Amino acid sequence: MPTLKLYYGNMPFWRAEVSRLALHLGQVPFEDVRMKTPEERAAFKESGKAPFGQVPILEVDGKVISQTGAIARYCGKLSGHYPRNDDFAAAKIDEIIDTATDITVAVGRTFRMEPVEKEAARAELATATLPKYCKALEKIMLENGSTGFYVGSAMTIGDIAMWRLWGWLTGGIVDGLPKDLLEAYPQLLRNFKTLDGHPEISSWMAKHYPKP
């Protein structure tokens, strides 16, 4: 088994949490390097470890992998949450990961806006953009046979990524987005609740992100 070090901030954002949880659930040993202070983040940036100057990155026996999707797929293969010999299933999982990225980019650009512009952009997200993605994802889950998962009949990195993404978007952290976003999409809601209530995931969240 390779020696793994995963670098990110001390937050449950899906870009790193998908790989952290995949490794944890698959009982794959790894060093969870969390930069918690401005000094730690500055030191990491100055180290030049990240090829593109951003996290997450994963060190594998001292060699670096960057980019969320690449890291998640690698960790998923090690942990059994991404197929090694089913190209179609792998592509469908990639589809979900890429969709999570698209949604994140769409929401993320609103953080740099001025208040009036941001309010209008968030309203557009709530009423048009996010429902568009939700309808498409609901259809994907129906076409997958309503198994409770996005691809196949067991949890994959696609499920973990979307669970944390929806947790972020419906958790009241992003102003202007409805907390009941998933209520109109029973497949998405079922998947979210399944992962949210998973005993190992729940204990992981309680350990690393205890509520005040």
Protein backbone atom coordinates (compact mmCIF):
# COMPACT_ATOMS: atom_id res chain seq x y z
CA MET A 1 0.00 0.00 0.00
CA PRO A 2 1.44 3.42 -0.91
CA THR A 3 2.12 6.08 1.71
CA LEU A 4 -0.55 8.77 1.34
CA LYS A 5 -0.70 12.38 2.56
CA LEU A 6 -3.79 14.41 1.70
CA TYR A 7 -3.52 18.21 2.08
CA TYR A 8 -6.45 20.60 2.55
CA GLY A 9 -7.92 23.05 5.03
CA ASN A 10 -9.79 22.01 8.15
CA MET A 11 -13.25 22.06 6.59
CA PRO A 12 -15.74 19.50 5.27
CA PHE A 13 -15.83 20.88 1.73
CA TRP A 14 -16.49 18.18 -0.83
CA ARG A 15 -13.32 18.75 -2.88
CA ALA A 16 -11.22 17.09 -0.18
CA GLU A 17 -13.87 15.34 1.90
CA VAL A 18 -14.77 12.99 -0.98
CA SER A 19 -11.24 11.56 -0.87
CA ARG A 20 -10.87 11.71 2.91
CA LEU A 21 -14.07 9.76 3.38
CA ALA A 22 -13.39 7.29 0.58
CA LEU A 23 -10.07 6.39 2.20
CA HIS A 24 -11.60 6.31 5.69
CA LEU A 25 -14.52 4.11 4.65
CA GLY A 26 -12.20 1.81 2.73
CA GLN A 27 -9.86 1.54 5.72
CA VAL A 28 -6.96 2.83 3.64
CA PRO A 29 -4.30 4.43 5.87
CA PHE A 30 -3.47 8.06 5.06
CA GLU A 31 -2.11 11.17 6.74
CA ASP A 32 -4.85 13.80 6.88
CA VAL A 33 -2.86 17.04 6.68
CA ARG A 34 -5.14 19.94 7.64
CA MET A 35 -3.85 23.50 7.41
CA LYS A 36 -5.71 25.24 10.22
CA THR A 37 -3.98 28.62 10.55
CA PRO A 38 -2.93 31.42 8.17
CA GLU A 39 0.67 30.59 9.03
CA GLU A 40 0.22 26.95 8.05
CA ARG A 41 -1.46 27.95 4.79
CA ALA A 42 1.31 30.44 4.01
CA ALA A 43 4.00 27.87 4.73
CA PHE A 44 2.28 25.36 2.49
CA LYS A 45 2.03 27.89 -0.34
CA GLU A 46 5.70 28.78 0.00
CA SER A 47 6.66 25.09 -0.05
CA GLY A 48 5.71 24.85 -3.72
CA LYS A 49 4.13 21.42 -3.20
CA ALA A 50 0.99 22.28 -5.16
CA PRO A 51 1.66 22.37 -8.93
CA PHE A 52 -1.19 24.84 -9.54
CA GLY A 53 -0.95 26.62 -6.20
CA GLN A 54 -4.20 25.15 -4.91
CA VAL A 55 -5.51 22.33 -2.74
CA PRO A 56 -6.38 19.54 -2.41
CA ILE A 57 -3.23 17.72 -3.33
CA LEU A 58 -2.33 14.12 -2.59
CA GLU A 59 1.21 12.88 -2.03
CA VAL A 60 1.69 9.25 -3.06
CA ASP A 61 5.06 7.96 -1.90
CA GLY A 62 6.30 11.55 -2.15
CA LYS A 63 4.90 12.18 -5.64
CA VAL A 64 2.07 14.71 -6.06
CA ILE A 65 -1.38 14.36 -7.61
CA SER A 66 -3.44 17.55 -7.90
CA GLN A 67 -7.00 18.32 -9.03
CA THR A 68 -10.08 17.16 -7.15
CA GLY A 69 -11.34 14.60 -9.66
CA ALA A 70 -7.97 12.95 -10.20
CA ILE A 71 -7.39 12.60 -6.47
CA ALA A 72 -10.92 11.30 -5.85
CA ARG A 73 -10.63 8.66 -8.57
CA TYR A 74 -7.27 7.47 -7.27
CA CYS A 75 -8.53 7.27 -3.69
CA GLY A 76 -11.76 5.65 -4.87
CA LYS A 77 -9.84 2.88 -6.61
CA LEU A 78 -7.79 2.18 -3.49
CA SER A 79 -10.88 2.14 -1.28
CA GLY A 80 -13.29 0.25 -3.54
CA HIS A 81 -15.47 3.30 -4.28
CA TYR A 82 -14.49 3.62 -7.96
CA PRO A 83 -14.40 0.74 -10.45
CA ARG A 84 -11.15 -0.58 -11.87
CA ASN A 85 -12.67 -2.69 -14.65
CA ASP A 86 -16.04 -1.15 -15.59
CA ASP A 87 -15.37 1.72 -17.96
CA PHE A 88 -19.02 2.74 -18.32
CA ALA A 89 -19.63 2.91 -14.57
CA ALA A 90 -16.37 4.85 -14.18
CA ALA A 91 -17.50 7.36 -16.82
CA LYS A 92 -20.87 7.80 -15.10
CA ILE A 93 -19.12 8.48 -11.79
CA ASP A 94 -16.88 10.98 -13.59
CA GLU A 95 -20.07 12.60 -14.88
CA ILE A 96 -21.27 13.12 -11.31
CA ILE A 97 -17.92 14.47 -10.10
CA ASP A 98 -17.76 16.88 -13.06
CA THR A 99 -21.31 18.02 -12.32
CA ALA A 100 -20.36 18.70 -8.70
CA THR A 101 -17.48 20.80 -10.02
CA ASP A 102 -19.76 22.73 -12.40
CA ILE A 103 -22.21 23.51 -9.60
CA THR A 104 -19.37 24.60 -7.31
CA VAL A 105 -17.99 26.95 -9.95
CA ALA A 106 -21.45 28.42 -10.60
CA VAL A 107 -21.99 29.10 -6.90
CA GLY A 108 -18.40 30.12 -6.24
CA ARG A 109 -18.37 32.98 -8.72
CA THR A 110 -21.15 34.72 -6.75
CA PHE A 111 -18.88 35.11 -3.70
CA ARG A 112 -16.82 37.72 -5.56
CA MET A 113 -19.82 39.88 -6.47
CA GLU A 114 -21.02 43.13 -4.95
CA PRO A 115 -24.12 42.82 -2.72
CA VAL A 116 -26.80 43.82 -5.25
CA GLU A 117 -25.29 41.73 -8.02
CA LYS A 118 -24.81 38.81 -5.63
CA GLU A 119 -28.44 38.89 -4.52
CA ALA A 120 -29.65 38.67 -8.11
CA ALA A 121 -27.15 35.93 -8.96
CA ARG A 122 -28.13 33.86 -5.94
CA ALA A 123 -31.80 34.21 -6.90
CA GLU A 124 -30.91 32.90 -10.37
CA LEU A 125 -29.09 29.98 -8.78
CA ALA A 126 -32.04 29.16 -6.53
CA THR A 127 -34.74 29.38 -9.18
CA ALA A 128 -33.03 28.26 -12.39
CA THR A 129 -29.46 26.96 -12.24
CA LEU A 130 -29.67 24.56 -9.31
CA PRO A 131 -33.12 23.19 -10.29
CA LYS A 132 -31.68 22.50 -13.76
CA TYR A 133 -28.92 20.39 -12.28
CA CYS A 134 -31.23 18.73 -9.78
CA LYS A 135 -33.67 17.66 -12.50
CA ALA A 136 -30.85 16.20 -14.57
CA LEU A 137 -29.38 14.35 -11.58
CA GLU A 138 -32.81 13.05 -10.55
CA LYS A 139 -33.23 11.64 -14.06
CA ILE A 140 -29.79 10.00 -13.88
CA MET A 141 -30.76 8.30 -10.62
CA LEU A 142 -34.07 7.10 -12.06
CA GLU A 143 -32.27 5.72 -15.10
CA ASN A 144 -29.89 3.94 -12.72
CA GLY A 145 -32.87 2.01 -11.43
CA SER A 146 -33.69 4.04 -8.33
CA THR A 147 -31.09 2.07 -6.37
CA GLY A 148 -30.54 4.95 -3.97
CA PHE A 149 -27.16 5.71 -5.56
CA TYR A 150 -26.07 7.77 -8.54
CA VAL A 151 -24.20 4.89 -10.20
CA GLY A 152 -24.70 1.17 -9.63
CA SER A 153 -26.11 -0.20 -6.38
CA ALA A 154 -23.47 0.82 -3.84
CA MET A 155 -21.82 3.98 -2.60
CA THR A 156 -19.16 5.52 -4.85
CA ILE A 157 -17.12 8.70 -4.77
CA GLY A 158 -19.94 10.27 -6.80
CA ASP A 159 -22.36 9.81 -3.90
CA ILE A 160 -19.86 11.11 -1.35
CA ALA A 161 -19.13 14.20 -3.44
CA MET A 162 -22.79 15.07 -3.99
CA TRP A 163 -23.65 14.44 -0.33
CA ARG A 164 -21.12 17.02 0.84
CA LEU A 165 -22.00 19.44 -1.96
CA TRP A 166 -25.69 19.38 -1.01
CA GLY A 167 -24.74 19.65 2.65
CA TRP A 168 -22.92 22.88 1.84
CA LEU A 169 -25.64 24.33 -0.36
CA THR A 170 -28.60 23.47 1.89
CA GLY A 171 -26.89 24.07 5.21
CA GLY A 172 -27.70 27.77 5.42
CA ILE A 173 -24.08 28.76 4.80
CA VAL A 174 -24.69 30.26 1.36
CA ASP A 175 -27.11 33.16 1.67
CA GLY A 176 -29.99 33.16 -0.78
CA LEU A 177 -30.11 29.42 -1.40
CA PRO A 178 -33.09 27.43 -0.09
CA LYS A 179 -32.50 24.86 2.63
CA ASP A 180 -35.29 22.73 1.16
CA LEU A 181 -33.66 22.54 -2.28
CA LEU A 182 -33.80 18.74 -2.44
CA GLU A 183 -37.39 18.33 -1.23
CA ALA A 184 -38.74 18.27 -4.80
CA TYR A 185 -36.29 15.56 -5.85
CA PRO A 186 -36.99 12.32 -3.96
CA GLN A 187 -34.04 10.38 -5.41
CA LEU A 188 -31.55 13.08 -4.49
CA LEU A 189 -33.07 13.51 -1.05
CA ARG A 190 -33.04 9.78 -0.37
CA ASN A 191 -29.37 9.54 -1.33
CA PHE A 192 -28.48 12.55 0.81
CA LYS A 193 -30.27 11.14 3.85
CA THR A 194 -28.72 7.69 3.36
CA LEU A 195 -25.19 9.05 3.41
CA ASP A 196 -25.96 11.60 6.11
CA GLY A 197 -27.16 8.81 8.38
CA HIS A 198 -24.39 6.34 7.57
CA PRO A 199 -22.84 5.38 10.94
CA GLU A 200 -19.21 5.67 9.84
CA ILE A 201 -19.83 8.96 8.06
CA SER A 202 -21.73 10.34 11.05
CA SER A 203 -18.93 9.41 13.43
CA TRP A 204 -16.33 10.91 11.09
CA MET A 205 -18.22 14.20 10.97
CA ALA A 206 -18.75 14.27 14.74
CA LYS A 207 -15.05 13.63 15.34
CA HIS A 208 -13.65 16.15 12.87
CA TYR A 209 -16.37 18.82 12.83
CA PRO A 210 -18.03 18.78 16.28
CA LYS A 211 -20.97 21.13 16.58
CA PRO A 212 -20.56 23.87 19.20
